[in-house]
Protein backbone atom coordinates (compact mmCIF):
# COMPACT_ATOMS: atom_id res chain seq x y z
CA MET A 1 39.20 16.54 -12.75
CA ASN A 2 36.02 17.50 -14.31
CA ASP A 3 32.73 17.45 -12.14
CA SER A 4 30.51 14.22 -12.38
CA TYR A 5 26.65 15.01 -12.43
CA ILE A 6 23.98 12.27 -12.21
CA LEU A 7 20.27 12.72 -12.52
CA GLY A 8 17.81 10.65 -10.83
CA ILE A 9 14.12 10.40 -12.17
CA SER A 10 11.07 8.53 -10.66
CA ALA A 11 7.74 8.89 -12.73
CA PHE A 12 4.94 7.32 -13.93
CA TYR A 13 3.73 5.39 -10.87
CA HIS A 14 3.35 7.83 -7.80
CA ASP A 15 5.03 10.98 -6.67
CA SER A 16 7.23 11.75 -9.51
CA SER A 17 10.38 13.45 -8.61
CA ALA A 18 14.16 14.14 -9.80
CA SER A 19 17.34 14.24 -7.73
CA LEU A 20 20.73 15.44 -9.02
CA LEU A 21 24.11 14.62 -7.22
CA LYS A 22 27.47 16.55 -8.20
CA ASN A 23 30.60 14.21 -7.16
CA GLY A 24 28.21 12.11 -5.15
CA ILE A 25 27.11 15.27 -3.04
CA ILE A 26 23.16 15.75 -3.18
CA VAL A 27 22.72 19.14 -4.64
CA ALA A 28 18.95 19.24 -5.14
CA ALA A 29 15.82 16.95 -5.03
CA CYS A 30 12.10 17.95 -5.72
CA GLN A 31 8.52 15.98 -6.28
CA GLU A 32 6.97 17.32 -9.19
CA GLU A 33 3.83 17.69 -7.04
CA ARG A 34 5.39 20.94 -5.60
CA PHE A 35 5.42 22.80 -9.24
CA SER A 36 2.44 21.16 -10.73
CA ARG A 37 0.23 21.62 -7.66
CA ILE A 38 -1.10 18.17 -8.24
CA LYS A 39 -1.23 16.31 -5.21
CA GLY A 40 1.00 12.98 -5.78
CA ASP A 41 1.61 13.66 -9.63
CA SER A 42 2.93 10.68 -11.66
CA ASN A 43 3.51 12.67 -14.71
CA PHE A 44 7.16 12.94 -15.90
CA PRO A 45 8.77 15.22 -13.74
CA GLY A 46 10.08 18.14 -16.31
CA GLN A 47 9.81 21.00 -13.89
CA SER A 48 11.45 19.15 -11.21
CA ILE A 49 14.11 18.33 -13.59
CA ASP A 50 14.61 22.00 -14.70
CA TYR A 51 14.90 23.08 -10.94
CA CYS A 52 17.72 20.53 -10.16
CA LEU A 53 19.50 21.63 -13.38
CA SER A 54 19.31 25.30 -12.69
CA GLU A 55 20.45 24.86 -8.97
CA ALA A 56 23.37 23.39 -10.03
CA GLY A 57 23.89 25.61 -12.60
CA ILE A 58 24.24 23.12 -15.67
CA THR A 59 22.44 22.34 -18.61
CA ILE A 60 21.50 18.59 -20.09
CA ASP A 61 24.75 18.18 -22.03
CA ARG A 62 26.58 18.14 -18.63
CA LEU A 63 25.40 15.07 -17.14
CA ASP A 64 27.32 12.12 -17.13
CA HIS A 65 24.36 9.76 -16.23
CA VAL A 66 20.50 9.83 -16.08
CA VAL A 67 18.87 6.76 -14.10
CA PHE A 68 15.39 5.85 -13.61
CA TYR A 69 14.28 4.21 -10.52
CA ASP A 70 12.50 1.03 -11.91
CA LYS A 71 12.65 -1.49 -14.64
CA PRO A 72 9.45 -1.26 -16.76
CA ILE A 73 10.08 -4.55 -18.31
CA LEU A 74 10.08 -6.08 -15.06
CA LYS A 75 7.13 -4.43 -13.64
CA PHE A 76 5.31 -5.07 -16.99
CA ASP A 77 6.18 -8.77 -16.50
CA ARG A 78 4.55 -8.85 -13.18
CA ILE A 79 1.45 -6.95 -14.25
CA LEU A 80 0.93 -9.07 -17.17
CA SER A 81 1.33 -12.50 -15.19
CA SER A 82 -0.93 -11.25 -12.53
CA TYR A 83 -3.77 -10.57 -14.92
CA ILE A 84 -2.90 -14.08 -16.51
CA HIS A 85 -3.07 -15.50 -13.21
CA THR A 86 -6.45 -14.47 -12.17
CA ALA A 87 -8.37 -14.07 -15.42
CA PRO A 88 -10.88 -13.69 -16.69
CA ILE A 89 -11.76 -11.72 -13.35
CA GLY A 90 -9.74 -8.97 -14.09
CA ILE A 91 -10.65 -7.71 -17.38
CA ARG A 92 -11.84 -4.19 -16.44
CA SER A 93 -8.51 -3.58 -14.82
CA TRP A 94 -6.91 -5.13 -17.58
CA LEU A 95 -8.45 -2.89 -20.08
CA LYS A 96 -7.75 0.32 -18.06
CA ALA A 97 -3.91 -0.64 -17.36
CA ILE A 98 -2.77 -2.27 -20.52
CA PRO A 99 -3.18 0.69 -23.05
CA LEU A 100 -1.25 3.00 -20.68
CA TRP A 101 1.64 0.63 -20.45
CA LEU A 102 1.85 -0.01 -24.42
CA LYS A 103 1.53 3.66 -25.14
CA ASP A 104 4.09 5.04 -22.51
CA LYS A 105 5.49 2.97 -19.42
CA LEU A 106 7.33 0.38 -21.37
CA TRP A 107 9.17 3.03 -23.75
CA THR A 108 10.34 5.14 -20.69
CA GLU A 109 13.88 5.42 -22.14
CA ASP A 110 12.51 6.70 -25.37
CA THR A 111 10.57 9.31 -23.37
CA ILE A 112 13.40 10.48 -21.09
CA LYS A 113 15.68 10.75 -24.20
CA LYS A 114 13.08 12.77 -26.19
CA THR A 115 11.95 15.00 -23.50
CA LEU A 116 15.28 16.17 -22.20
CA LYS A 117 16.98 16.03 -25.79
CA TYR A 118 19.75 13.66 -23.65
CA ASN A 119 21.64 11.42 -26.40
CA LYS A 120 23.30 8.96 -24.01
CA ASN A 121 22.17 5.64 -22.77
CA VAL A 122 19.79 5.69 -19.86
CA LEU A 123 20.33 3.63 -16.64
CA PHE A 124 17.89 1.67 -14.78
CA THR A 125 17.84 0.37 -11.26
CA GLU A 126 15.44 -1.79 -9.74
CA HIS A 127 12.76 -0.29 -7.54
CA HIS A 128 14.27 -1.97 -4.24
CA GLN A 129 17.64 -1.25 -5.02
CA ALA A 130 17.10 2.62 -5.39
CA HIS A 131 14.90 2.56 -2.04
CA ALA A 132 17.89 0.81 -0.23
CA ALA A 133 20.26 2.94 -1.76
CA SER A 134 18.29 6.14 -0.69
CA ALA A 135 18.70 4.86 3.06
CA PHE A 136 21.97 3.47 3.09
CA TYR A 137 24.19 5.80 1.10
CA PRO A 138 23.02 9.12 3.04
CA SER A 139 23.21 7.48 6.43
CA PRO A 140 26.01 8.01 8.79
CA PHE A 141 26.95 4.47 8.74
CA LYS A 142 29.92 2.90 7.13
CA GLU A 143 27.80 -0.62 7.21
CA ALA A 144 24.31 -1.19 7.83
CA ALA A 145 21.52 -3.78 7.38
CA ILE A 146 18.92 -2.44 5.03
CA ILE A 147 15.05 -2.95 4.92
CA THR A 148 12.87 -1.72 2.34
CA ILE A 149 9.16 -2.26 2.66
CA ASP A 150 6.40 -0.60 0.25
CA GLY A 151 3.34 -1.79 -2.12
CA ALA A 152 5.28 -3.28 -4.77
CA GLY A 153 8.31 -2.52 -6.87
CA GLU A 154 8.69 -4.75 -10.25
CA TRP A 155 8.15 -8.23 -8.15
CA ALA A 156 9.65 -7.37 -4.72
CA THR A 157 7.49 -5.90 -1.86
CA THR A 158 10.00 -6.18 1.10
CA THR A 159 13.73 -6.73 1.04
CA ILE A 160 16.62 -7.19 3.48
CA GLY A 161 19.84 -6.49 2.38
CA LYS A 162 23.27 -4.94 3.67
CA GLY A 163 25.27 -2.12 2.84
CA ILE A 164 29.20 -2.00 3.25
CA ASP A 165 31.32 0.90 2.28
CA ASN A 166 29.86 1.85 -1.44
CA THR A 167 28.21 -1.48 -2.07
CA ILE A 168 24.62 -2.70 -1.52
CA GLU A 169 23.63 -6.23 -1.68
CA ILE A 170 20.05 -7.64 -1.57
CA ILE A 171 20.03 -10.72 0.60
CA GLU A 172 16.46 -11.82 0.94
CA GLU A 173 13.17 -10.72 -0.40
CA ILE A 174 9.34 -11.03 -0.45
CA GLY A 175 7.38 -10.77 -3.64
CA PHE A 176 3.85 -9.53 -5.03
CA PRO A 177 1.07 -10.40 -4.28
CA HIS A 178 2.42 -10.70 -0.47
CA SER A 179 3.01 -7.28 0.48
CA LEU A 180 2.73 -5.40 3.89
CA GLY A 181 2.41 -1.97 2.37
CA LEU A 182 -0.95 -3.26 0.00
CA LEU A 183 -2.24 -4.98 3.29
CA TYR A 184 -2.09 -1.49 5.52
CA SER A 185 -3.38 0.23 2.11
CA ALA A 186 -6.38 -2.48 2.03
CA PHE A 187 -7.26 -0.90 5.44
CA THR A 188 -6.73 2.52 4.61
CA TYR A 189 -9.12 2.01 1.82
CA TYR A 190 -11.78 0.12 4.22
CA CYS A 191 -11.50 2.92 6.80
CA GLY A 192 -12.65 5.26 4.05
CA PHE A 193 -9.34 6.88 3.24
CA LYS A 194 -7.47 7.52 0.00
CA VAL A 195 -4.96 4.76 -0.96
CA ASN A 196 -1.28 5.94 -1.26
CA SER A 197 -2.18 9.04 0.70
CA GLY A 198 -4.40 8.36 3.54
CA GLU A 199 -2.25 5.68 5.29
CA TYR A 200 -0.83 8.25 7.81
CA LYS A 201 -4.43 9.09 8.42
CA LEU A 202 -4.99 5.59 9.41
CA MET A 203 -1.95 5.55 11.52
CA GLY A 204 -3.34 8.81 13.27
CA LEU A 205 -6.78 7.00 13.83
CA ALA A 206 -5.64 4.05 15.48
CA PRO A 207 -4.86 5.55 19.01
CA TYR A 208 -8.53 6.18 19.21
CA GLY A 209 -9.45 2.40 18.84
CA GLU A 210 -8.51 -0.88 20.58
CA PRO A 211 -6.90 -3.79 18.54
CA LYS A 212 -10.03 -6.01 18.96
CA TYR A 213 -9.72 -7.26 15.44
CA SER A 214 -5.93 -8.26 15.40
CA ASP A 215 -6.39 -11.91 15.95
CA ILE A 216 -9.17 -12.22 12.93
CA ILE A 217 -6.76 -10.45 10.74
CA LEU A 218 -3.77 -13.06 11.71
CA GLU A 219 -6.32 -15.84 11.35
CA ASN A 220 -7.45 -14.99 7.96
CA LEU A 221 -5.79 -12.26 6.36
CA ILE A 222 -1.78 -12.97 6.74
CA THR A 223 0.18 -15.46 8.23
CA LEU A 224 3.39 -14.20 9.84
CA ASN A 225 6.29 -16.69 10.05
CA GLU A 226 9.18 -16.83 12.53
CA ASP A 227 11.82 -16.00 9.70
CA GLY A 228 10.10 -12.91 9.18
CA SER A 229 8.71 -13.76 5.93
CA TYR A 230 4.66 -13.58 5.58
CA ILE A 231 1.86 -14.71 3.41
CA LEU A 232 -1.05 -12.76 2.42
CA HIS A 233 -4.52 -14.89 1.81
CA GLU A 234 -5.40 -13.62 -1.89
CA LYS A 235 -8.98 -14.29 -1.62
CA TYR A 236 -9.74 -11.41 0.82
CA PHE A 237 -7.93 -8.73 -1.62
CA ASN A 238 -8.78 -7.23 -4.96
CA TYR A 239 -5.82 -5.41 -5.73
CA ILE A 240 -4.42 -7.83 -7.88
CA SER A 241 -6.78 -7.87 -10.65
CA GLY A 242 -9.64 -5.56 -9.53
CA LEU A 243 -9.97 -1.54 -9.21
CA THR A 244 -10.43 -1.49 -5.57
CA MET A 245 -8.41 -2.91 -2.72
CA ILE A 246 -10.62 -5.44 -0.90
CA SER A 247 -13.02 -8.22 -2.15
CA LYS A 248 -16.38 -9.12 -0.59
CA LYS A 249 -14.74 -11.91 1.59
CA PHE A 250 -12.99 -9.20 3.29
CA GLU A 251 -16.26 -7.26 4.16
CA ASN A 252 -18.04 -10.33 5.39
CA LEU A 253 -14.96 -11.16 7.47
CA PHE A 254 -15.51 -7.88 9.48
CA GLY A 255 -19.05 -7.82 9.01
CA MET A 256 -19.17 -3.98 7.68
CA LYS A 257 -18.75 -2.21 4.45
CA PRO A 258 -16.06 0.15 3.98
CA ASN A 259 -16.26 3.45 5.38
CA LYS A 260 -17.21 6.13 3.03
CA PRO A 261 -14.64 9.04 2.09
CA ASP A 262 -15.10 11.93 4.39
CA ILE A 263 -17.60 10.47 6.72
CA LYS A 264 -16.41 10.59 10.56
CA PRO A 265 -15.27 6.88 11.36
CA THR A 266 -17.23 5.35 13.91
CA GLN A 267 -15.72 3.46 16.74
CA PHE A 268 -15.53 0.12 14.87
CA TYR A 269 -13.34 1.76 12.44
CA MET A 270 -10.92 3.07 15.10
CA ASP A 271 -10.68 -0.39 16.52
CA ILE A 272 -10.23 -1.68 13.05
CA ALA A 273 -7.12 1.20 12.62
CA ALA A 274 -5.71 0.01 16.01
CA SER A 275 -5.88 -3.70 14.91
CA ILE A 276 -3.94 -3.21 11.51
CA GLN A 277 -1.43 -0.96 13.36
CA GLN A 278 -0.78 -3.56 15.82
CA VAL A 279 -0.43 -6.18 13.39
CA PHE A 280 1.92 -4.31 10.91
CA THR A 281 3.96 -3.40 13.64
CA THR A 282 4.51 -6.99 14.58
CA ALA A 283 5.33 -8.36 11.34
CA VAL A 284 7.87 -5.43 10.86
CA LEU A 285 9.44 -6.42 13.67
CA ASN A 286 9.74 -9.84 12.76
CA ILE A 287 11.58 -8.61 9.54
CA VAL A 288 13.94 -6.38 11.61
CA ARG A 289 14.84 -9.48 13.91
CA ARG A 290 15.57 -11.34 10.70
CA ALA A 291 17.62 -8.49 9.16
CA LYS A 292 19.73 -8.67 12.12
CA THR A 293 20.26 -12.24 12.27
CA VAL A 294 21.26 -12.71 8.15
CA THR A 295 23.51 -9.56 8.47
CA GLY A 296 24.98 -9.47 11.86
CA LEU A 297 25.24 -5.53 11.73
CA ASP A 298 24.59 -3.16 14.22
CA ASN A 299 23.09 -0.39 12.10
CA LEU A 300 19.74 -0.52 10.51
CA VAL A 301 18.32 1.82 7.69
CA ILE A 302 14.98 1.76 6.29
CA ALA A 303 12.88 3.09 3.13
CA GLY A 304 9.91 2.33 1.28
CA GLY A 305 6.42 3.97 2.00
CA SER A 306 5.98 1.71 4.88
CA ALA A 307 9.00 3.41 6.39
CA LEU A 308 6.66 6.75 7.09
CA ASN A 309 4.95 4.68 9.52
CA CYS A 310 6.48 6.71 12.59
CA VAL A 311 4.66 4.60 15.08
CA THR A 312 6.24 1.53 14.01
CA ASN A 313 9.63 3.07 13.77
CA SER A 314 9.53 4.09 17.27
CA VAL A 315 8.65 0.30 18.16
CA ILE A 316 11.96 -0.49 15.95
CA LEU A 317 14.23 2.01 17.84
CA ASN A 318 13.08 1.25 21.32
CA SER A 319 13.36 -2.49 20.65
CA LYS A 320 17.42 -2.30 20.54
CA ILE A 321 17.47 -5.00 18.12
CA PHE A 322 19.78 -2.60 16.39
CA SER A 323 21.97 0.07 18.13
CA SER A 324 21.41 2.88 15.58
CA LEU A 325 18.38 3.92 13.03
CA PHE A 326 18.31 5.86 10.40
CA ILE A 327 15.12 6.49 7.96
CA GLN A 328 15.44 7.98 4.59
CA PRO A 329 13.10 11.25 5.19
CA ALA A 330 11.56 10.78 1.50
CA ALA A 331 11.05 7.31 2.10
CA GLY A 332 8.28 6.76 -0.42
CA ASP A 333 8.67 6.48 -4.35
CA ALA A 334 9.97 10.03 -4.30
CA GLY A 335 13.19 9.19 -2.61
CA CYS A 336 13.81 6.69 -5.38
CA SER A 337 14.96 9.30 -7.73
CA LEU A 338 17.79 10.08 -5.05
CA GLY A 339 18.42 6.10 -4.49
CA ALA A 340 18.94 5.46 -7.98
CA ALA A 341 21.38 8.50 -8.55
CA LEU A 342 23.24 7.20 -5.33
CA PHE A 343 23.17 3.69 -6.58
CA VAL A 344 24.60 4.74 -9.88
CA HIS A 345 27.27 6.83 -8.36
CA TYR A 346 28.51 4.26 -5.86
CA ASN A 347 27.56 0.83 -7.15
CA TYR A 348 27.76 1.44 -10.95
CA CYS A 349 30.86 3.79 -11.08
CA GLY A 350 32.44 2.41 -8.12
CA ASN A 351 33.23 5.71 -6.22
CA THR A 352 34.68 6.05 -2.85
CA ARG A 353 32.07 6.71 0.32
CA ILE A 354 33.00 9.06 2.70
CA VAL A 355 30.95 8.88 5.78
CA ASP A 356 30.45 11.59 8.53
CA LYS A 357 29.66 9.35 11.59
CA LYS A 358 28.07 12.71 13.39
CA THR A 359 25.33 13.31 10.90
CA ASP A 360 23.63 11.97 7.55
CA SER A 361 24.40 13.70 4.52
CA GLN A 362 20.80 14.53 3.58
CA HIS A 363 21.25 18.12 4.49
CA GLY A 364 18.42 18.40 6.60
CA SER A 365 16.31 17.21 3.58
CA TYR A 366 16.12 20.89 2.83
CA LEU A 367 16.73 20.06 -0.96
CA GLY A 368 14.14 22.10 -2.83
CA PRO A 369 13.65 25.62 -4.19
CA ALA A 370 14.64 28.93 -2.16
CA TYR A 371 13.64 32.37 -2.95
CA THR A 372 15.27 35.66 -2.33
CA ASP A 373 13.72 38.74 -0.54
CA TYR A 374 14.05 40.37 -4.20
CA GLN A 375 12.08 37.72 -5.68
CA ILE A 376 9.18 37.77 -2.96
CA LYS A 377 9.16 41.66 -2.72
CA SER A 378 8.46 41.49 -6.52
CA ILE A 379 5.59 39.13 -6.19
CA LEU A 380 3.90 41.03 -3.27
CA ASP A 381 4.31 44.47 -5.08
CA GLU A 382 2.58 42.85 -8.26
CA HIS A 383 -0.31 41.89 -6.30
CA ASN A 384 -0.54 44.87 -4.21
CA ILE A 385 -0.03 42.89 -1.03
CA VAL A 386 0.41 45.07 2.24
CA TYR A 387 3.34 43.91 4.26
CA THR A 388 6.00 44.95 6.64
CA PHE A 389 9.88 44.42 6.17
CA ALA A 390 11.77 43.36 9.36
CA ASP A 391 15.30 42.20 9.73
CA GLU A 392 15.75 38.68 11.42
CA GLU A 393 15.50 39.96 14.89
CA LYS A 394 12.40 41.78 14.51
CA LEU A 395 10.72 38.91 12.37
CA ILE A 396 11.36 36.38 15.16
CA ASP A 397 10.19 38.55 17.92
CA PHE A 398 7.04 39.52 16.07
CA THR A 399 6.30 36.00 15.15
CA VAL A 400 6.59 34.60 18.82
CA ASP A 401 4.31 37.52 20.16
CA ALA A 402 1.77 36.54 17.41
CA LEU A 403 2.14 32.91 18.33
CA ILE A 404 1.77 33.87 22.16
CA ASN A 405 -1.35 35.69 21.31
CA GLN A 406 -2.66 32.74 19.50
CA LYS A 407 -2.34 33.51 15.98
CA VAL A 408 -1.66 30.92 13.34
CA ILE A 409 1.53 31.48 11.39
CA GLY A 410 2.29 30.67 7.94
CA TRP A 411 6.12 29.85 7.93
CA PHE A 412 8.03 30.21 4.63
CA GLN A 413 11.67 30.56 4.72
CA GLY A 414 14.91 28.94 3.08
CA ARG A 415 14.87 25.97 0.79
CA MET A 416 11.85 23.96 0.52
CA GLU A 417 11.90 20.29 1.79
CA PHE A 418 12.19 17.03 0.02
CA GLY A 419 9.74 14.54 1.13
CA PRO A 420 6.27 14.34 2.77
CA ARG A 421 7.43 16.45 5.96
CA ALA A 422 7.32 20.02 6.31
CA LEU A 423 10.42 20.60 8.66
CA GLY A 424 10.30 24.33 9.42
CA ASN A 425 10.78 25.96 5.94
CA ARG A 426 7.32 25.37 4.45
CA SER A 427 5.42 25.07 7.51
CA ILE A 428 2.22 26.27 9.43
CA LEU A 429 2.99 27.03 13.25
CA GLY A 430 0.85 27.30 16.35
CA ASP A 431 1.05 27.43 20.09
CA PRO A 432 1.42 24.04 21.60
CA ARG A 433 -0.06 24.85 25.03
CA SER A 434 -3.41 25.94 23.32
CA GLU A 435 -6.21 23.60 24.50
CA THR A 436 -8.37 24.47 21.18
CA MET A 437 -5.43 24.77 18.67
CA GLN A 438 -5.75 21.23 17.32
CA LYS A 439 -9.20 21.23 16.54
CA ASP A 440 -9.28 24.84 15.21
CA MET A 441 -6.02 24.45 12.89
CA ASN A 442 -7.39 20.91 11.67
CA VAL A 443 -10.95 22.34 10.78
CA LYS A 444 -10.33 25.89 10.01
CA ILE A 445 -6.72 25.84 8.49
CA LYS A 446 -6.22 22.63 7.27
CA PHE A 447 -9.78 21.90 6.22
CA ARG A 448 -9.44 18.03 7.33
CA GLU A 449 -10.56 15.66 10.04
CA SER A 450 -10.45 16.91 13.42
CA PHE A 451 -8.52 13.79 14.79
CA ARG A 452 -5.67 14.36 13.16
CA PRO A 453 -2.62 15.12 15.28
CA PHE A 454 -0.08 17.57 14.99
CA ALA A 455 3.70 17.43 15.50
CA PRO A 456 5.83 19.40 17.75
CA SER A 457 9.00 21.01 16.59
CA VAL A 458 11.24 20.74 19.58
CA LEU A 459 14.82 21.88 20.19
CA GLU A 460 17.03 18.94 20.35
CA GLU A 461 18.85 19.99 23.32
CA LYS A 462 15.51 20.01 25.37
CA VAL A 463 13.69 16.93 23.98
CA SER A 464 14.48 14.66 26.75
CA GLU A 465 12.91 17.21 29.33
CA TRP A 466 9.52 17.04 27.71
CA PHE A 467 9.54 13.45 25.84
CA GLU A 468 10.70 9.97 26.94
CA THR A 469 13.34 9.99 24.33
CA ASP A 470 16.90 11.39 23.87
CA SER A 471 16.94 10.25 20.23
CA PRO A 472 17.37 12.98 17.71
CA SER A 473 14.26 12.77 15.16
CA PRO A 474 15.09 15.54 12.44
CA TYR A 475 12.75 14.41 10.05
CA MET A 476 9.48 13.79 11.96
CA LEU A 477 9.57 9.74 11.51
CA LEU A 478 9.70 8.96 15.19
CA THR A 479 7.12 9.30 17.69
CA ALA A 480 7.87 9.52 21.80
CA GLN A 481 5.58 9.67 24.88
CA VAL A 482 5.12 12.90 26.91
CA LYS A 483 6.83 12.71 30.26
CA GLU A 484 4.91 11.81 32.75
CA ASN A 485 5.46 14.96 34.89
CA LYS A 486 4.02 16.90 31.83
CA ARG A 487 0.87 15.01 31.64
CA ILE A 488 -2.53 15.63 32.90
CA PRO A 489 -4.73 12.60 33.53
CA PHE A 490 -8.20 12.35 32.03
CA ASP A 491 -11.02 9.95 32.53
CA HIS A 492 -9.70 7.06 30.35
CA SER A 493 -13.22 5.58 30.00
CA ILE A 494 -13.94 8.19 27.33
CA LYS A 495 -13.49 6.51 23.91
CA GLY A 496 -13.35 8.00 20.46
CA LEU A 497 -13.19 11.52 19.24
CA GLY A 498 -14.63 12.74 22.37
CA ILE A 499 -10.96 12.31 23.96
CA LEU A 500 -10.39 15.43 22.06
CA ASP A 501 -12.43 17.65 24.36
CA TYR A 502 -9.99 16.64 27.36
CA ARG A 503 -6.70 18.25 28.06
CA ARG A 504 -4.03 15.61 28.03
CA SER A 505 -0.70 17.55 29.08
CA GLU A 506 0.88 20.99 29.29
CA ILE A 507 1.11 20.64 25.49
CA PRO A 508 -2.29 19.37 24.67
CA ALA A 509 -2.16 20.53 20.87
CA VAL A 510 0.50 18.22 20.19
CA THR A 511 -0.11 15.43 22.82
CA HIS A 512 -2.13 12.51 21.11
CA VAL A 513 -4.83 10.62 22.90
CA ASP A 514 -2.33 7.91 24.01
CA TYR A 515 0.20 10.46 25.18
CA SER A 516 2.46 10.13 22.30
CA ALA A 517 3.77 12.78 19.69
CA ARG A 518 5.41 12.61 16.22
CA ILE A 519 8.39 14.75 16.98
CA GLN A 520 11.05 16.80 15.07
CA THR A 521 14.07 17.59 16.64
CA VAL A 522 15.85 21.02 15.56
CA ASN A 523 19.21 21.85 16.20
CA ASN A 524 21.23 25.22 15.19
CA LYS A 525 23.25 23.95 12.70
CA THR A 526 20.80 22.23 10.22
CA ASN A 527 18.32 25.09 10.48
CA PRO A 528 19.50 28.14 12.39
CA VAL A 529 16.50 30.59 11.86
CA TYR A 530 13.74 27.94 12.77
CA HIS A 531 16.05 26.90 15.82
CA THR A 532 16.21 30.64 16.99
CA LEU A 533 12.51 31.14 16.39
CA ILE A 534 11.75 28.01 18.70
CA ASN A 535 14.24 29.31 21.53
CA ARG A 536 12.89 32.61 21.52
CA PHE A 537 9.39 31.18 22.32
CA TYR A 538 11.23 28.79 24.68
CA GLU A 539 12.72 32.03 26.60
CA LYS A 540 9.10 33.48 26.67
CA THR A 541 6.98 30.88 27.85
CA GLY A 542 9.18 28.19 29.33
CA VAL A 543 8.24 25.71 26.27
CA PRO A 544 10.76 24.63 23.72
CA MET A 545 8.58 23.79 21.08
CA LEU A 546 5.93 24.89 18.30
CA ILE A 547 3.08 23.28 16.56
CA ASN A 548 4.41 22.25 13.35
CA THR A 549 2.33 21.10 10.21
CA SER A 550 2.82 21.49 6.63
CA PHE A 551 2.06 24.59 4.71
CA ASN A 552 -1.02 23.49 2.58
CA VAL A 553 -4.64 22.76 2.77
CA ARG A 554 -6.21 19.43 2.17
CA GLY A 555 -6.03 17.80 -1.00
CA GLU A 556 -3.13 20.27 -1.89
CA PRO A 557 0.63 19.74 -1.75
CA ILE A 558 2.99 21.67 0.44
CA VAL A 559 3.72 25.15 -1.08
CA CYS A 560 6.73 25.61 -3.09
CA SER A 561 6.72 29.43 -4.25
CA PRO A 562 5.55 32.63 -2.83
CA THR A 563 2.75 32.72 -4.94
CA ASP A 564 1.78 29.41 -3.69
CA ALA A 565 2.31 30.73 -0.14
CA LEU A 566 0.03 33.78 -1.01
CA ARG A 567 -2.47 31.45 -2.11
CA CYS A 568 -2.86 29.26 0.79
CA PHE A 569 -2.94 32.14 3.04
CA PHE A 570 -5.65 33.74 1.52
CA GLY A 571 -7.71 30.57 0.84
CA SER A 572 -7.29 29.67 4.51
CA ASN A 573 -7.78 31.09 7.91
CA ILE A 574 -3.88 31.64 8.76
CA ASP A 575 -3.68 34.97 10.59
CA VAL A 576 -0.09 36.03 9.66
CA LEU A 577 2.28 34.85 7.04
CA ILE A 578 6.08 35.29 7.50
CA ILE A 579 7.72 35.03 3.98
CA GLY A 580 11.68 35.78 3.76
CA SER A 581 11.74 38.92 5.74
CA PHE A 582 8.43 40.17 4.91
CA ILE A 583 5.16 40.26 7.55
CA ILE A 584 1.70 39.98 6.06
CA ALA A 585 -1.25 40.29 8.33
CA ARG A 586 -4.66 39.17 7.36
CA ASP A 587 -6.35 42.13 9.21
CA LYS A 588 -3.91 44.81 7.59
CA GLN A 589 -5.06 43.80 4.05
CA ILE A 590 -7.67 46.85 2.87
CA LYS A 591 -10.68 45.24 2.17
CA LYS A 592 -12.05 41.62 2.47
CA MET A 593 -13.08 41.75 -1.30
CA ASP A 594 -9.39 42.48 -1.91
CA ILE A 595 -8.61 39.24 -0.49
CA LYS A 596 -11.10 37.13 -2.62
CA LYS A 597 -9.60 39.35 -5.82
CA TRP A 598 -6.01 38.36 -5.01
CA LYS A 599 -6.72 34.76 -4.41
CA LYS A 600 -8.18 34.63 -7.76
CA SER A 601 -5.63 36.62 -9.29
CA LEU A 602 -2.57 34.62 -8.17
CA THR A 603 -1.35 32.08 -10.75
CA ARG A 604 1.42 29.74 -10.56
CA ASP A 605 5.12 31.25 -11.17
């Protein structure tokens, strides 16, 4: 029997990616931004496709199917109908969007065939079918209810479905312009953050505020119905026909103009963030209850960009409406390339699905490129980098000692993660016990807002000793409260960013102002090297976790190649880079001028 290969593609809207299956097994998946170094790159994912094919050791002619994650004709129908509905108000937006559609997006099949030199038919899934498939098929469930929530696909913005064995069925959906994703993005814009990438900043800002404006939102912007459906009131929004997210009526409702980008948010915007987070969670819980009612199933899987809201995810888990929960780690549009390929393998081709009830089939989401020590050494030597080679034992000991001595570590190991979270292979690491590390890493390393929380990577076997949960969270998509006996009381009359000056627990660098943390649990099977590192730190400090944030600086994608890692290392204030079996210490480089020269000379692989 010949092997079957299916290539999934997402492109042209946001966060383009490619994924490859071999006989239904995930071989590789990667976002184009990691290769192009363009944040959220929406161009055709040519470099991602090349990587997927090389990882499988095949060429284009070996592909059985190529599938695109969206149906462009249906999406064009929605865009056209929306402009007609609001004409002549949206003429500026129309003049900007329509030429792109007429030139490129309507001819997606031709673009794929021509670019890849692929002479077979290209298959298409619907957008939310791809989201649903990305969540259900890798899950450890034979059957599950499925919820997908995002800004918009072709027409659908929210769907409820069910997956049984190898089939998926969408049961109910809510259509554009009514969208929880776009509602949340409207407030992202209002608080001064970038739409499609700043939503997690809004979520991180919410605990600094109080939900004072929840009633105003519920009375004016959105109507929530008992059956899980909802209606947005269009007059307050501008995303249908304009070039911004909100209308003047939205501004007038709250009495303040949108916060300007890069301006520190005031208490007002913190309260706004807390309010929309509360309303969003309430709306999603209504949908979860509806999914339970219409499917009658015990397991739930979630995808769509809104599934990256780990605060809401934890409320879902703790509600016990469903017995078990799985969230696609690449829940946004990047994950749709994987979902589209899986949908074709199971739904279209009718292949049998084998489920491992103990674990998902996402392989820890370590689905991107890896680099050998030989490849890494060649790059280091080429640029005259001063380094030390160490075996794994010495590497781990050196890294732990550096962390204990309050050094910030760039950690580059194994295959790159697929999805927005660094999960211990392309990470910046620090000591969670430090009182100053959160501010220092945000401002000096990541060059971003000081209020942004950091996540702890925790030994899976120790998580319940430090956090109020016993649920695994391998993909950093759930929050949990720090245990009462690990907390340190502080003056709760302090408001806003001033709370950052107070030690809140024994692990202050990863404890948010509401005593929560966005945890990643690490086990020895999925990532043995990272598990060993954390365990060694635990043996020396009694704390079974490390700060884990993505290996990048503000505005850039997570690093992919050794060259990317070196550029980020020299362009930030990271103290030590651990890359493969090599230790690169900033203070061991010969001259400061050399660092500037090397940073300039480091070009993409």
